[in-house]
PDB file of all heavy atoms in Angstrom:
ATOM      1  N   SER A   1    -121.342-176.722  27.815  1.00  0.00           N
ATOM      2  CA  SER A   1    -122.636-177.144  28.357  1.00  0.00           C
ATOM      3  C   SER A   1    -123.730-177.097  27.291  1.00  0.00           C
ATOM      4  O   SER A   1    -124.594-177.979  27.231  1.00  0.00           O
ATOM      5  CB  SER A   1    -123.022-176.276  29.556  1.00  0.00           C
ATOM      6  OG  SER A   1    -122.169-176.527  30.650  1.00  0.00           O
ATOM      7  N   THR A   2    -123.691-176.074  26.424  1.00  0.00           N
ATOM      8  CA  THR A   2    -124.637-176.018  25.302  1.00  0.00           C
ATOM      9  C   THR A   2    -124.464-177.237  24.416  1.00  0.00           C
ATOM     10  O   THR A   2    -125.444-177.844  23.969  1.00  0.00           O
ATOM     11  CB  THR A   2    -124.406-174.735  24.475  1.00  0.00           C
ATOM     12  OG1 THR A   2    -124.613-173.599  25.300  1.00  0.00           O
ATOM     13  CG2 THR A   2    -125.348-174.674  23.284  1.00  0.00           C
ATOM     14  N   LEU A   3    -123.224-177.615  24.181  1.00  0.00           N
ATOM     15  CA  LEU A   3    -122.930-178.791  23.366  1.00  0.00           C
ATOM     16  C   LEU A   3    -123.517-180.046  24.004  1.00  0.00           C
ATOM     17  O   LEU A   3    -124.130-180.878  23.324  1.00  0.00           O
ATOM     18  CB  LEU A   3    -121.413-178.917  23.206  1.00  0.00           C
ATOM     19  CG  LEU A   3    -120.871-179.994  22.285  1.00  0.00           C
ATOM     20  CD1 LEU A   3    -121.481-179.896  20.890  1.00  0.00           C
ATOM     21  CD2 LEU A   3    -119.352-179.885  22.212  1.00  0.00           C
ATOM     22  N   MET A   4    -123.368-180.190  25.329  1.00  0.00           N
ATOM     23  CA  MET A   4    -123.923-181.356  26.000  1.00  0.00           C
ATOM     24  C   MET A   4    -125.447-181.379  25.913  1.00  0.00           C
ATOM     25  O   MET A   4    -126.046-182.434  25.717  1.00  0.00           O
ATOM     26  CB  MET A   4    -123.498-181.399  27.464  1.00  0.00           C
ATOM     27  CG  MET A   4    -123.815-182.742  28.099  1.00  0.00           C
ATOM     28  SD  MET A   4    -123.825-182.772  29.895  1.00  0.00           S
ATOM     29  CE  MET A   4    -125.411-182.042  30.233  1.00  0.00           C
ATOM     30  N   HIS A   5    -126.083-180.215  26.037  1.00  0.00           N
ATOM     31  CA  HIS A   5    -127.544-180.159  25.949  1.00  0.00           C
ATOM     32  C   HIS A   5    -128.032-180.597  24.573  1.00  0.00           C
ATOM     33  O   HIS A   5    -129.062-181.267  24.451  1.00  0.00           O
ATOM     34  CB  HIS A   5    -128.032-178.746  26.260  1.00  0.00           C
ATOM     35  CG  HIS A   5    -127.900-178.377  27.699  1.00  0.00           C
ATOM     36  ND1 HIS A   5    -128.018-177.087  28.155  1.00  0.00           N
ATOM     37  CD2 HIS A   5    -127.663-179.140  28.798  1.00  0.00           C
ATOM     38  CE1 HIS A   5    -127.857-177.068  29.471  1.00  0.00           C
ATOM     39  NE2 HIS A   5    -127.638-178.309  29.871  1.00  0.00           N
ATOM     40  N   ILE A   6    -127.286-180.252  23.547  1.00  0.00           N
ATOM     41  CA  ILE A   6    -127.668-180.674  22.192  1.00  0.00           C
ATOM     42  C   ILE A   6    -127.416-182.168  22.015  1.00  0.00           C
ATOM     43  O   ILE A   6    -128.268-182.890  21.481  1.00  0.00           O
ATOM     44  CB  ILE A   6    -126.920-179.832  21.134  1.00  0.00           C
ATOM     45  CG1 ILE A   6    -127.489-178.411  21.127  1.00  0.00           C
ATOM     46  CG2 ILE A   6    -127.036-180.464  19.743  1.00  0.00           C
ATOM     47  CD1 ILE A   6    -126.755-177.444  20.233  1.00  0.00           C
ATOM     48  N   ILE A   7    -126.267-182.655  22.480  1.00  0.00           N
ATOM     49  CA  ILE A   7    -125.984-184.093  22.379  1.00  0.00           C
ATOM     50  C   ILE A   7    -127.065-184.892  23.097  1.00  0.00           C
ATOM     51  O   ILE A   7    -127.501-185.938  22.616  1.00  0.00           O
ATOM     52  CB  ILE A   7    -124.587-184.409  22.966  1.00  0.00           C
ATOM     53  CG1 ILE A   7    -123.485-183.812  22.075  1.00  0.00           C
ATOM     54  CG2 ILE A   7    -124.384-185.920  23.102  1.00  0.00           C
ATOM     55  CD1 ILE A   7    -122.089-183.907  22.681  1.00  0.00           C
ATOM     56  N   GLY A   8    -127.518-184.389  24.255  1.00  0.00           N
ATOM     57  CA  GLY A   8    -128.528-185.097  25.042  1.00  0.00           C
ATOM     58  C   GLY A   8    -129.956-184.810  24.639  1.00  0.00           C
ATOM     59  O   GLY A   8    -130.890-185.254  25.313  1.00  0.00           O
ATOM     60  N   CYS A   9    -130.153-184.083  23.538  1.00  0.00           N
ATOM     61  CA  CYS A   9    -131.500-183.750  23.043  1.00  0.00           C
ATOM     62  C   CYS A   9    -132.316-182.938  24.044  1.00  0.00           C
ATOM     63  O   CYS A   9    -133.545-183.010  24.070  1.00  0.00           O
ATOM     64  CB  CYS A   9    -132.270-185.010  22.634  1.00  0.00           C
ATOM     65  SG  CYS A   9    -131.529-185.899  21.258  1.00  0.00           S
ATOM     66  N   LEU A  10    -131.614-182.170  24.892  1.00  0.00           N
ATOM     67  CA  LEU A  10    -132.288-181.226  25.783  1.00  0.00           C
ATOM     68  C   LEU A  10    -132.521-179.893  25.078  1.00  0.00           C
ATOM     69  O   LEU A  10    -133.304-179.063  25.541  1.00  0.00           O
ATOM     70  CB  LEU A  10    -131.453-181.001  27.041  1.00  0.00           C
ATOM     71  CG  LEU A  10    -131.310-182.194  27.982  1.00  0.00           C
ATOM     72  CD1 LEU A  10    -130.260-181.907  29.053  1.00  0.00           C
ATOM     73  CD2 LEU A  10    -132.640-182.556  28.617  1.00  0.00           C
ATOM     74  N   ASP A  11    -131.816-179.687  23.978  1.00  0.00           N
ATOM     75  CA  ASP A  11    -131.945-178.460  23.196  1.00  0.00           C
ATOM     76  C   ASP A  11    -131.710-178.818  21.731  1.00  0.00           C
ATOM     77  O   ASP A  11    -131.147-179.879  21.419  1.00  0.00           O
ATOM     78  CB  ASP A  11    -130.916-177.426  23.675  1.00  0.00           C
ATOM     79  CG  ASP A  11    -131.293-175.998  23.308  1.00  0.00           C
ATOM     80  OD1 ASP A  11    -132.303-175.815  22.593  1.00  0.00           O
ATOM     81  OD2 ASP A  11    -130.579-175.070  23.730  1.00  0.00           O
ATOM     82  N   LYS A  12    -132.135-177.928  20.842  1.00  0.00           N
ATOM     83  CA  LYS A  12    -131.965-178.150  19.405  1.00  0.00           C
ATOM     84  C   LYS A  12    -131.000-177.125  18.833  1.00  0.00           C
ATOM     85  O   LYS A  12    -130.964-175.977  19.283  1.00  0.00           O
ATOM     86  CB  LYS A  12    -133.322-178.039  18.687  1.00  0.00           C
ATOM     87  CG  LYS A  12    -134.276-179.168  19.033  1.00  0.00           C
ATOM     88  CD  LYS A  12    -135.538-179.129  18.184  1.00  0.00           C
ATOM     89  CE  LYS A  12    -136.532-178.120  18.703  1.00  0.00           C
ATOM     90  NZ  LYS A  12    -137.853-178.247  18.031  1.00  0.00           N
ATOM     91  N   PRO A  13    -130.196-177.535  17.843  1.00  0.00           N
ATOM     92  CA  PRO A  13    -129.272-176.575  17.238  1.00  0.00           C
ATOM     93  C   PRO A  13    -130.010-175.554  16.386  1.00  0.00           C
ATOM     94  O   PRO A  13    -131.115-175.812  15.900  1.00  0.00           O
ATOM     95  CB  PRO A  13    -128.370-177.466  16.375  1.00  0.00           C
ATOM     96  CG  PRO A  13    -129.218-178.650  16.030  1.00  0.00           C
ATOM     97  CD  PRO A  13    -130.094-178.880  17.233  1.00  0.00           C
ATOM     98  N   SER A  14    -129.386-174.406  16.210  1.00  0.00           N
ATOM     99  CA  SER A  14    -129.937-173.395  15.308  1.00  0.00           C
ATOM    100  C   SER A  14    -129.728-173.798  13.855  1.00  0.00           C
ATOM    101  O   SER A  14    -130.537-173.478  12.980  1.00  0.00           O
ATOM    102  CB  SER A  14    -129.279-172.035  15.571  1.00  0.00           C
ATOM    103  OG  SER A  14    -129.504-171.625  16.902  1.00  0.00           O
ATOM    104  N   SER A  15    -128.626-174.495  13.594  1.00  0.00           N
ATOM    105  CA  SER A  15    -128.353-175.011  12.255  1.00  0.00           C
ATOM    106  C   SER A  15    -127.387-176.178  12.370  1.00  0.00           C
ATOM    107  O   SER A  15    -126.758-176.390  13.405  1.00  0.00           O
ATOM    108  CB  SER A  15    -127.765-173.919  11.354  1.00  0.00           C
ATOM    109  OG  SER A  15    -126.513-173.479  11.851  1.00  0.00           O
ATOM    110  N   GLY A  16    -127.288-176.946  11.298  1.00  0.00           N
ATOM    111  CA  GLY A  16    -126.419-178.117  11.277  1.00  0.00           C
ATOM    112  C   GLY A  16    -127.209-179.404  11.401  1.00  0.00           C
ATOM    113  O   GLY A  16    -128.433-179.391  11.575  1.00  0.00           O
ATOM    114  N   GLU A  17    -126.505-180.513  11.312  1.00  0.00           N
ATOM    115  CA  GLU A  17    -127.121-181.840  11.339  1.00  0.00           C
ATOM    116  C   GLU A  17    -126.598-182.620  12.541  1.00  0.00           C
ATOM    117  O   GLU A  17    -125.395-182.667  12.775  1.00  0.00           O
ATOM    118  CB  GLU A  17    -126.786-182.587  10.043  1.00  0.00           C
ATOM    119  CG  GLU A  17    -127.398-183.987   9.960  1.00  0.00           C
ATOM    120  CD  GLU A  17    -126.968-184.724   8.704  1.00  0.00           C
ATOM    121  OE1 GLU A  17    -125.745-184.756   8.420  1.00  0.00           O
ATOM    122  OE2 GLU A  17    -127.840-185.276   8.000  1.00  0.00           O
ATOM    123  N   TYR A  18    -127.527-183.243  13.274  1.00  0.00           N
ATOM    124  CA  TYR A  18    -127.160-184.093  14.409  1.00  0.00           C
ATOM    125  C   TYR A  18    -127.775-185.468  14.203  1.00  0.00           C
ATOM    126  O   TYR A  18    -128.997-185.609  14.159  1.00  0.00           O
ATOM    127  CB  TYR A  18    -127.637-183.484  15.723  1.00  0.00           C
ATOM    128  CG  TYR A  18    -127.335-184.339  16.945  1.00  0.00           C
ATOM    129  CD1 TYR A  18    -126.271-185.237  16.961  1.00  0.00           C
ATOM    130  CD2 TYR A  18    -128.116-184.261  18.092  1.00  0.00           C
ATOM    131  CE1 TYR A  18    -125.994-186.013  18.056  1.00  0.00           C
ATOM    132  CE2 TYR A  18    -127.846-185.027  19.209  1.00  0.00           C
ATOM    133  CZ  TYR A  18    -126.788-185.912  19.189  1.00  0.00           C
ATOM    134  OH  TYR A  18    -126.517-186.692  20.275  1.00  0.00           O
ATOM    135  N   ILE A  19    -126.920-186.472  14.073  1.00  0.00           N
ATOM    136  CA  ILE A  19    -127.359-187.852  13.887  1.00  0.00           C
ATOM    137  C   ILE A  19    -127.031-188.628  15.158  1.00  0.00           C
ATOM    138  O   ILE A  19    -125.868-188.751  15.545  1.00  0.00           O
ATOM    139  CB  ILE A  19    -126.684-188.493  12.660  1.00  0.00           C
ATOM    140  CG1 ILE A  19    -127.046-187.701  11.401  1.00  0.00           C
ATOM    141  CG2 ILE A  19    -127.106-189.954  12.513  1.00  0.00           C
ATOM    142  CD1 ILE A  19    -126.306-188.141  10.163  1.00  0.00           C
ATOM    143  N   LEU A  20    -128.058-189.140  15.809  1.00  0.00           N
ATOM    144  CA  LEU A  20    -127.919-189.868  17.065  1.00  0.00           C
ATOM    145  C   LEU A  20    -128.423-191.287  16.863  1.00  0.00           C
ATOM    146  O   LEU A  20    -129.593-191.502  16.554  1.00  0.00           O
ATOM    147  CB  LEU A  20    -128.718-189.168  18.165  1.00  0.00           C
ATOM    148  CG  LEU A  20    -128.747-189.836  19.542  1.00  0.00           C
ATOM    149  CD1 LEU A  20    -127.341-189.943  20.123  1.00  0.00           C
ATOM    150  CD2 LEU A  20    -129.648-189.068  20.492  1.00  0.00           C
ATOM    151  N   GLY A  21    -127.527-192.251  17.022  1.00  0.00           N
ATOM    152  CA  GLY A  21    -127.912-193.648  16.829  1.00  0.00           C
ATOM    153  C   GLY A  21    -128.472-193.913  15.449  1.00  0.00           C
ATOM    154  O   GLY A  21    -129.372-194.745  15.297  1.00  0.00           O
ATOM    155  N   GLY A  22    -127.947-193.225  14.446  1.00  0.00           N
ATOM    156  CA  GLY A  22    -128.388-193.421  13.071  1.00  0.00           C
ATOM    157  C   GLY A  22    -129.596-192.610  12.657  1.00  0.00           C
ATOM    158  O   GLY A  22    -130.033-192.685  11.503  1.00  0.00           O
ATOM    159  N   LYS A  23    -130.155-191.791  13.562  1.00  0.00           N
ATOM    160  CA  LYS A  23    -131.356-191.002  13.263  1.00  0.00           C
ATOM    161  C   LYS A  23    -131.036-189.510  13.336  1.00  0.00           C
ATOM    162  O   LYS A  23    -130.462-189.041  14.307  1.00  0.00           O
ATOM    163  CB  LYS A  23    -132.465-191.329  14.278  1.00  0.00           C
ATOM    164  CG  LYS A  23    -133.737-190.479  14.138  1.00  0.00           C
ATOM    165  CD  LYS A  23    -134.749-190.850  15.212  1.00  0.00           C
ATOM    166  CE  LYS A  23    -135.955-189.918  15.205  1.00  0.00           C
ATOM    167  NZ  LYS A  23    -136.738-189.999  13.969  1.00  0.00           N
ATOM    168  N   ALA A  24    -131.403-188.790  12.277  1.00  0.00           N
ATOM    169  CA  ALA A  24    -131.239-187.337  12.281  1.00  0.00           C
ATOM    170  C   ALA A  24    -132.292-186.730  13.209  1.00  0.00           C
ATOM    171  O   ALA A  24    -133.494-186.923  13.002  1.00  0.00           O
ATOM    172  CB  ALA A  24    -131.382-186.780  10.868  1.00  0.00           C
TER     173      ALA A  24
END
């Protein structure tokens, strides 16, 4: 569920890179 919240931009990761639709 934490993973889904990050994928959906409901939460932010503590570290790492998330690129969604070509945008970090």
